[in-house]
Structure formats: C-alpha cells, structure tokens
Protein backbone atom coordinates (compact mmCIF):
# COMPACT_ATOMS: atom_id res chain seq x y z
CA MET A 1 -24.53 -46.93 60.60
CA ALA A 2 -27.94 -45.32 60.87
CA PRO A 3 -27.89 -41.53 60.98
CA ILE A 4 -28.72 -39.89 64.24
CA PRO A 5 -32.28 -38.64 64.23
CA GLY A 6 -32.41 -34.89 63.77
CA SER A 7 -28.80 -34.56 62.45
CA GLY A 8 -29.99 -33.06 59.17
CA LEU A 9 -32.03 -30.46 61.00
CA ALA A 10 -29.03 -29.59 63.16
CA LYS A 11 -26.82 -29.09 60.10
CA GLY A 12 -29.40 -26.85 58.49
CA LEU A 13 -29.74 -24.75 61.63
CA ALA A 14 -25.93 -24.46 61.79
CA VAL A 15 -25.82 -23.08 58.23
CA THR A 16 -28.60 -20.65 59.10
CA LEU A 17 -26.75 -19.43 62.18
CA ARG A 18 -23.52 -18.92 60.21
CA THR A 19 -25.21 -16.88 57.48
CA MET A 20 -27.15 -14.78 60.00
CA THR A 21 -23.91 -13.40 61.38
CA LYS A 22 -22.55 -12.37 57.97
CA LYS A 23 -23.19 -9.07 56.22
CA THR A 24 -25.65 -9.25 53.33
CA VAL A 25 -24.24 -9.02 49.79
CA THR A 26 -27.51 -8.61 47.94
CA ALA A 27 -27.29 -5.84 45.32
CA GLN A 28 -30.32 -3.59 45.56
CA TYR A 29 -31.12 -3.22 41.88
CA PRO A 30 -31.76 -0.70 40.28
CA ASP A 31 -30.07 1.49 42.89
CA THR A 32 -26.94 -0.62 42.53
CA GLN A 33 -26.00 -1.60 39.00
CA PRO A 34 -24.54 -5.10 38.59
CA GLU A 35 -21.00 -5.61 37.38
CA LEU A 36 -21.48 -7.53 34.17
CA PRO A 37 -18.75 -9.60 32.53
CA PRO A 38 -17.32 -8.17 29.31
CA ARG A 39 -18.92 -10.90 27.16
CA SER A 40 -22.45 -10.37 28.48
CA ARG A 41 -25.23 -10.92 25.96
CA GLY A 42 -27.43 -7.91 26.50
CA VAL A 43 -28.46 -6.42 23.16
CA ILE A 44 -27.09 -6.52 19.61
CA GLY A 45 -25.54 -3.42 18.07
CA LEU A 46 -25.22 -2.78 14.32
CA PHE A 47 -22.19 -1.17 12.68
CA GLU A 48 -23.96 -0.22 9.47
CA GLU A 49 -20.85 0.78 7.53
CA ASN A 50 -19.59 -2.83 7.58
CA CYS A 51 -22.86 -4.40 6.45
CA THR A 52 -22.81 -5.67 2.85
CA VAL A 53 -26.37 -7.08 2.88
CA CYS A 54 -25.07 -10.62 2.46
CA MET A 55 -28.14 -11.91 4.37
CA LEU A 56 -26.12 -14.54 6.25
CA CYS A 57 -27.37 -13.38 9.64
CA ALA A 58 -31.01 -13.47 8.57
CA ARG A 59 -30.67 -16.93 6.97
CA GLU A 60 -28.85 -18.47 9.95
CA CYS A 61 -31.12 -17.00 12.64
CA PRO A 62 -33.08 -19.90 14.25
CA ASP A 63 -35.96 -17.59 15.24
CA TRP A 64 -36.16 -15.59 12.02
CA CYS A 65 -36.18 -12.37 14.00
CA ILE A 66 -33.89 -10.35 11.66
CA TYR A 67 -35.51 -8.34 8.88
CA ILE A 68 -33.36 -6.92 6.06
CA ASP A 69 -34.44 -4.92 3.00
CA SER A 70 -32.10 -3.61 0.32
CA HIS A 71 -31.90 -2.48 -3.29
CA LYS A 72 -29.22 -2.49 -5.97
CA GLU A 73 -27.41 0.55 -7.31
CA THR A 74 -25.10 0.88 -10.29
CA VAL A 75 -21.62 2.11 -9.50
CA PRO A 76 -19.75 3.95 -12.28
CA PRO A 77 -16.37 2.53 -13.33
CA ALA A 78 -13.42 3.55 -11.21
CA ALA A 79 -11.19 4.11 -14.26
CA PRO A 80 -11.98 5.15 -17.83
CA GLY A 81 -12.80 2.16 -19.97
CA GLY A 82 -13.92 0.02 -17.03
CA ARG A 83 -17.30 -1.58 -16.63
CA GLU A 84 -20.07 -0.56 -14.31
CA ARG A 85 -20.73 -2.59 -11.18
CA SER A 86 -23.79 -3.07 -9.00
CA ARG A 87 -23.80 -3.06 -5.20
CA ASN A 88 -26.41 -3.68 -2.52
CA VAL A 89 -27.62 -0.70 -0.52
CA LEU A 90 -29.16 -1.33 2.90
CA ASP A 91 -32.69 0.02 3.33
CA ARG A 92 -33.79 -1.68 6.53
CA PHE A 93 -32.12 -3.74 9.24
CA ALA A 94 -34.29 -4.64 12.22
CA ILE A 95 -34.14 -7.20 15.03
CA ASP A 96 -37.22 -8.31 16.95
CA PHE A 97 -35.92 -8.85 20.50
CA ALA A 98 -39.29 -10.26 21.51
CA LEU A 99 -38.34 -13.32 19.42
CA CYS A 100 -34.57 -13.28 19.82
CA MET A 101 -33.18 -16.02 22.05
CA TYR A 102 -29.69 -14.44 22.28
CA CYS A 103 -27.87 -17.40 20.77
CA GLY A 104 -25.30 -15.14 19.06
CA ILE A 105 -25.29 -17.06 15.78
CA CYS A 106 -25.88 -13.89 13.76
CA ILE A 107 -22.81 -12.29 15.31
CA GLU A 108 -20.67 -15.37 14.72
CA VAL A 109 -21.58 -15.82 11.04
CA CYS A 110 -21.24 -12.13 10.06
CA PRO A 111 -18.15 -12.11 7.79
CA PHE A 112 -17.56 -8.36 7.98
CA ASP A 113 -17.98 -7.64 11.73
CA ALA A 114 -21.18 -5.64 11.44
CA LEU A 115 -22.90 -7.07 14.56
CA PHE A 116 -21.63 -6.85 18.14
CA TRP A 117 -22.80 -7.77 21.62
CA SER A 118 -23.54 -4.92 24.01
CA PRO A 119 -23.86 -5.54 27.77
CA GLU A 120 -26.87 -3.19 27.98
CA PHE A 121 -29.98 -5.07 29.09
CA GLU A 122 -32.33 -2.31 30.27
CA TYR A 123 -34.52 -1.95 27.20
CA ALA A 124 -37.81 -3.36 28.44
CA GLU A 125 -40.94 -1.87 26.89
CA THR A 126 -44.60 -1.82 27.81
CA ASP A 127 -45.57 -2.53 24.18
CA ILE A 128 -44.18 -5.65 22.55
CA HIS A 129 -44.07 -3.93 19.16
CA GLU A 130 -41.47 -1.51 20.48
CA LEU A 131 -39.04 -4.39 21.03
CA THR A 132 -38.39 -4.43 17.28
CA HIS A 133 -35.32 -2.22 16.98
CA GLU A 134 -34.67 -0.61 13.62
CA ARG A 135 -31.18 0.16 12.32
CA ASP A 136 -31.09 3.64 13.90
CA LYS A 137 -31.73 2.15 17.34
CA LEU A 138 -29.28 -0.68 16.69
CA ARG A 139 -26.65 1.90 15.72
CA GLU A 140 -27.13 3.65 19.07
CA TRP A 141 -26.28 0.41 20.89
CA MET A 142 -22.87 0.43 19.19
CA TRP A 143 -21.72 3.22 21.54
CA THR A 144 -22.20 0.86 24.49
CA VAL A 145 -20.15 -2.00 23.01
CA PRO A 146 -17.02 -2.50 25.15
CA ALA A 147 -13.57 -2.46 23.61
CA PRO A 148 -12.20 -5.86 22.60
CA PRO A 149 -9.85 -7.50 25.10
CA ALA A 150 -6.14 -7.06 24.61
CA LEU A 151 -4.38 -9.72 22.58
CA ASP A 152 -1.73 -12.00 23.93
CA PRO A 153 1.61 -10.11 23.80
CA LYS A 154 3.09 -12.98 21.76
CA ALA A 155 0.14 -13.23 19.39
CA GLU A 156 0.48 -12.27 15.74
CA GLU A 157 -0.75 -8.87 14.64
CA PRO A 158 -4.17 -9.01 12.93
CA LYS A 159 -3.95 -8.92 9.15
CA GLU A 160 -6.24 -5.89 8.90
CA ILE A 161 -4.11 -3.85 11.31
CA ALA A 162 -0.86 -4.98 9.64
CA ALA A 163 -2.15 -3.99 6.18
CA ALA A 164 -3.36 -0.61 7.45
CA ARG A 165 -0.04 0.03 9.21
CA LYS A 166 2.00 -0.82 6.10
CA THR A 167 -0.17 1.45 3.96
CA ALA A 168 0.26 4.31 6.44
CA GLU A 169 4.04 3.80 6.52
CA LYS A 170 4.26 3.84 2.70
CA LEU A 171 2.18 7.02 2.55
CA ALA A 172 4.34 8.71 5.19
CA ALA A 173 7.52 7.69 3.33
CA ALA A 174 6.16 9.06 0.05
CA GLN A 175 5.22 12.36 1.69
CA ALA A 176 8.66 12.64 3.30
CA ALA A 177 10.38 11.93 -0.03
CA ALA A 178 8.24 14.56 -1.77
CA ALA A 179 9.12 17.11 0.92
CA GLU A 180 12.85 16.34 0.71
CA ALA A 181 13.01 16.48 -3.11
CA PRO A 182 13.05 20.34 -3.45
CA ALA A 183 15.65 20.69 -0.70
CA ALA A 184 17.84 18.02 -2.30
CA SER A 185 17.61 19.69 -5.73
CA GLU A 186 18.61 23.05 -4.26
CA ALA A 187 21.53 21.47 -2.41
CA GLY A 188 22.62 19.67 -5.58
CA ALA A 189 22.50 22.90 -7.62
CA ALA A 190 24.56 24.71 -4.98
CA ALA A 191 27.11 21.87 -4.89
CA GLU A 192 27.34 21.87 -8.69
CA ALA A 193 27.89 25.62 -8.78
CA SER A 194 30.55 25.34 -6.09
CA ALA A 195 32.29 22.57 -8.03
CA GLU A 196 32.26 24.61 -11.23
CA ALA A 197 33.70 27.61 -9.39
CA GLY A 198 36.44 25.44 -7.86
CA ALA A 199 37.30 23.94 -11.26
CA ALA A 200 37.54 27.41 -12.81
CA GLU A 201 39.88 28.57 -10.04
CA ALA A 202 42.06 25.47 -10.42
CA GLU A 203 42.25 25.96 -14.19
CA ALA A 204 43.20 29.58 -13.73
CA ALA A 205 45.92 28.63 -11.25
CA THR A 206 47.49 26.01 -13.57
CA THR A 207 47.47 28.15 -16.76
CA PRO A 208 50.94 29.90 -17.26
CA LYS A 209 50.73 33.67 -17.37
CA PRO A 210 52.46 35.49 -20.37
CA ALA A 211 55.71 37.36 -19.54
CA ALA A 212 55.31 41.09 -19.21
CA ALA A 213 56.90 43.17 -22.06
CA SER A 214 60.17 44.74 -20.84
CA LYS A 215 60.51 48.44 -21.32
CA PRO A 216 63.61 49.62 -23.31
CA ALA A 217 66.40 50.83 -21.07
CA ALA A 218 66.95 54.54 -21.02
CA PRO A 219 70.15 55.65 -22.91
CA PRO A 220 73.02 56.52 -20.61
CA SER A 221 73.60 60.20 -20.16
CA ALA A 222 76.66 61.58 -22.00
CA PRO A 223 79.57 62.49 -19.73
CA ALA A 224 80.45 66.14 -19.42
CA ALA A 225 83.12 67.21 -21.90
CA PRO A 226 86.45 68.43 -20.37
CA PRO A 227 87.26 72.05 -20.92
CA GLY A 228 89.14 72.70 -24.18
CA ASP A 229 92.51 74.34 -24.59
CA ASP A 230 91.05 77.41 -26.23
CA GLU A 231 88.89 78.12 -23.35
CA GLN A 232 90.52 79.80 -20.44
CA PRO A 233 89.14 79.64 -17.01
CA PRO A 234 87.89 82.94 -15.81
CA ALA A 235 90.44 85.04 -14.04
CA GLU A 236 90.23 86.03 -10.55
CA GLY A 237 88.95 89.41 -9.86
CA GLY A 238 86.56 89.46 -12.74
CA GLN A 239 89.10 90.48 -15.49
CA ALA A 240 89.06 88.70 -18.75
C-alpha cells in the first residue's frame, strides 16, 4: 500500500507539537554542572607513593604521551650482614593531555594502582604546552578521584585488606599481652604469698604443742596440835 502523501510531514509536526508543550531539560552549562557517572574519564591522577617506575604505562601507551624519568639509589641492608639493594627513584612523571586519547590502558596495566581516573574535565588551557601536567599537578587530581564502589556483600575480602587486618589484630594482641603481663605477675606473687601463709598456718595447726610443766603441789598445812595435859586452860577471872 502506497503511503499517503504528506504522512511523514504530519508525523514530524506531531512530534514537534508534543515537545513544544514539555518543559525544557537542557542544562545551562557552566551555570549548571552535569551529573557525571562515577566511571567518567576526565583526567588521570597520580598516586606517587605507589609508583615503582616500572615503565609499563609509558610502554603500553598508544600515543606515547607519558614521560617518566628516574634514577637509581643504593639502599643499605635492612639487617647486619645483608647486602645492599638498589631501587628506582621517580624524578619526573608527566602526561601530555593534548595527545592523550583517554583509552585508559595506562590505568589498566599499572600493577601497583598508581594511576586513577578523575571525573574532572575542566582543565582547558589557552596554551597547548600547559596541557602537559607534571607529577605535582597529577597529584592534585588525586583529591578529586571518587571513592571506589562498594563490593558485593557476598564477595571475598581483598587480599590487601585481609593482610592488613590480620597484622593489626596481631599487633593489638601483642600489646594487650604486654600490658597484662605485669598485672598477672603481681597477681601470681600475691597468690603465692597467700598460699605460703596458708601452708604455714596449716602446719602450725597440725603440729602437737608440748605439755606445760606442772607446778609442785604445795605441802598441806600441819593440823593444830591439841592442848597438852600440862597446860591448863586459863581460869576465869584472870587468876592463874
């Protein structure tokens, strides 16, 4: 069936009429900031403490827009008798955002989580040379990196967090044991002294006491002698 002439125009006019009656939803940028998704690719932030100068990000970058300079330093042995080691020290880490195509390969290949996406995108410059951000500027972008999304409640705990938690628990247990050791020694000494005192009292109670020496009995007093025959009782009246 052949279409009716002018049906397409009528449909277009119907869409126009429907949208004319609706309120506009256009965000007036920059007065209204857009709500960006958490995984927006705005700018790359550098967490310098995690960088080991492995050069993986610079080698894998398709645009060769990452510049890294470093030097080696000798680290003294950690224990007496050990050998010295050498480590890389970061001197320069820069990204030329005039060349970057925001593919995210550098962030994916970093084995130590030193690079992160930040949703900030307002870093336009009037001079193209100022789009090369050195490590100080890249470090400032780290403060705008959003927190990682929450893990699935049934997901396993990350190995790094589990190891850190176990180390913290062992340290807390060691500190608690060290704090309880003096109190336990004092309690043990007091219990030992109490036991010794109880044993001494029990020994004293079971030991028989010697009988007390009896005093000699006093001699009985002699009875009064009866009056003799040669002695006359005194006469009455006072005469002999």
